[in-house]
Amino acid sequence: MSEYDKILARLAQSPFRSRFRLDEKDKAYIRQKGMDIIQSHCRDFVHKRLAPAVIPNDGRQTPMRGHPVFKAQHGCACCCRGCLEKWHHIKAGKELNPVEEEYIVGLLIYWINRQVHF
């Protein structure tokens, strides 16, 4: 079992986290744009909305819908620094390093791929 599978299994036990799913509109958007573009969006969202040490609207910076990555962020508890600390043990109040950013992006893309292919 991969590291991503382990965290997703834990998250599946949360009634809130487990309710997030990609709908057909999200899947069509992913097919239209392609995974390279989705991954680029994901990197951009993580870098701009999660990576800074101080986020003025932390806890409210990730919408619940509007983009497949937003749903992935909530489903994976990568939506704010508080959730990152609680679920992934990535401390709030410090800038994310490149390894942490890649871990988050990798997890989000893994979640999206599982949603698209199941």
Protein backbone atom coordinates (compact mmCIF):
# COMPACT_ATOMS: atom_id res chain seq x y z
CA MET A 1 0.00 0.00 0.00
CA SER A 2 1.44 3.36 -1.02
CA GLU A 3 1.77 6.36 1.28
CA TYR A 4 -1.05 8.01 -0.67
CA ASP A 5 -3.29 4.94 -0.27
CA LYS A 6 -2.69 4.97 3.48
CA ILE A 7 -3.67 8.62 3.92
CA LEU A 8 -6.69 8.22 1.62
CA ALA A 9 -7.83 5.23 3.69
CA ARG A 10 -7.64 7.40 6.83
CA LEU A 11 -9.47 10.25 5.10
CA ALA A 12 -12.20 7.84 3.95
CA GLN A 13 -13.12 7.40 7.62
CA SER A 14 -14.07 11.08 7.84
CA PRO A 15 -17.71 11.73 6.91
CA PHE A 16 -16.76 15.24 5.74
CA ARG A 17 -13.73 14.24 3.62
CA SER A 18 -15.36 11.18 2.10
CA ARG A 19 -18.29 13.14 0.68
CA PHE A 20 -16.10 14.85 -1.93
CA ARG A 21 -16.36 13.24 -5.35
CA LEU A 22 -15.80 14.38 -8.90
CA ASP A 23 -19.04 14.62 -10.86
CA GLU A 24 -19.44 14.12 -14.60
CA LYS A 25 -18.89 17.83 -15.27
CA ASP A 26 -15.53 17.67 -13.45
CA LYS A 27 -14.53 14.52 -15.34
CA ALA A 28 -15.47 16.14 -18.67
CA TYR A 29 -13.38 19.20 -17.75
CA ILE A 30 -10.41 16.94 -16.97
CA ARG A 31 -10.80 15.07 -20.28
CA GLN A 32 -11.07 18.39 -22.16
CA LYS A 33 -8.04 20.00 -20.52
CA GLY A 34 -5.90 16.88 -20.04
CA MET A 35 -4.03 15.80 -16.93
CA ASP A 36 -0.97 17.94 -17.72
CA ILE A 37 -3.09 21.11 -17.49
CA ILE A 38 -4.90 19.85 -14.37
CA GLN A 39 -1.54 19.13 -12.74
CA SER A 40 -0.34 22.61 -13.71
CA HIS A 41 -3.46 24.14 -12.10
CA CYS A 42 -2.87 21.99 -9.04
CA ARG A 43 0.74 23.16 -8.68
CA ASP A 44 -0.33 26.76 -9.09
CA PHE A 45 -3.13 26.50 -6.49
CA VAL A 46 -0.84 24.78 -3.97
CA HIS A 47 2.00 27.23 -4.52
CA LYS A 48 -0.15 30.36 -4.31
CA ARG A 49 -2.85 29.33 -1.81
CA LEU A 50 -1.08 26.91 0.56
CA ALA A 51 2.67 27.38 0.37
CA PRO A 52 3.06 30.82 1.98
CA ALA A 53 3.85 30.90 5.70
CA VAL A 54 1.02 33.37 6.33
CA ILE A 55 -2.23 33.16 4.40
CA PRO A 56 -4.59 36.08 5.15
CA ASN A 57 -7.79 34.05 4.61
CA ASP A 58 -6.47 30.68 5.77
CA GLY A 59 -9.30 28.24 6.28
CA ARG A 60 -11.41 29.94 3.63
CA GLN A 61 -9.07 30.11 0.64
CA THR A 62 -10.27 26.96 -1.12
CA PRO A 63 -13.75 26.97 -2.64
CA MET A 64 -15.85 23.81 -2.27
CA ARG A 65 -16.55 23.62 -6.01
CA GLY A 66 -15.69 25.26 -9.32
CA HIS A 67 -12.60 23.21 -10.20
CA PRO A 68 -11.75 19.51 -9.78
CA VAL A 69 -8.61 20.45 -7.83
CA PHE A 70 -10.70 22.29 -5.24
CA LYS A 71 -12.73 19.13 -4.60
CA ALA A 72 -9.50 17.14 -4.40
CA GLN A 73 -8.07 19.59 -1.89
CA HIS A 74 -11.07 19.13 0.41
CA GLY A 75 -11.20 15.38 -0.12
CA CYS A 76 -7.49 15.10 0.71
CA ALA A 77 -7.47 17.63 3.58
CA CYS A 78 -5.11 19.91 1.62
CA CYS A 79 -7.46 22.88 1.62
CA CYS A 80 -5.85 25.01 4.33
CA ARG A 81 -2.85 25.01 6.65
CA GLY A 82 -4.93 23.80 9.59
CA CYS A 83 -6.03 20.70 7.70
CA LEU A 84 -2.49 20.12 6.42
CA GLU A 85 -1.24 20.17 10.00
CA LYS A 86 -4.03 17.97 11.38
CA TRP A 87 -4.03 15.30 8.67
CA HIS A 88 -0.54 15.48 7.15
CA HIS A 89 1.55 16.82 10.07
CA ILE A 90 2.83 19.72 7.97
CA LYS A 91 3.22 22.60 10.39
CA ALA A 92 1.29 25.81 9.83
CA GLY A 93 3.08 29.16 10.05
CA LYS A 94 6.06 28.20 7.90
CA GLU A 95 6.46 28.29 4.14
CA LEU A 96 6.06 24.92 2.48
CA ASN A 97 9.28 23.55 1.05
CA PRO A 98 9.43 22.04 -2.46
CA VAL A 99 9.21 18.46 -1.12
CA GLU A 100 6.04 19.30 0.81
CA GLU A 101 4.51 21.02 -2.20
CA GLU A 102 5.28 18.00 -4.39
CA TYR A 103 3.80 15.63 -1.80
CA ILE A 104 0.56 17.64 -1.81
CA VAL A 105 0.40 17.94 -5.61
CA GLY A 106 1.13 14.21 -5.94
CA LEU A 107 -1.61 13.31 -3.49
CA LEU A 108 -4.15 15.57 -5.20
CA ILE A 109 -3.36 14.16 -8.65
CA TYR A 110 -3.48 10.61 -7.25
CA TRP A 111 -6.94 11.33 -5.77
CA ILE A 112 -8.14 12.86 -9.06
CA ASN A 113 -6.88 9.88 -11.07
CA ARG A 114 -8.64 7.46 -8.73
CA GLN A 115 -11.87 9.44 -9.08
CA VAL A 116 -11.65 9.54 -12.88
CA HIS A 117 -10.82 5.84 -13.27
CA PHE A 118 -13.21 4.31 -10.71
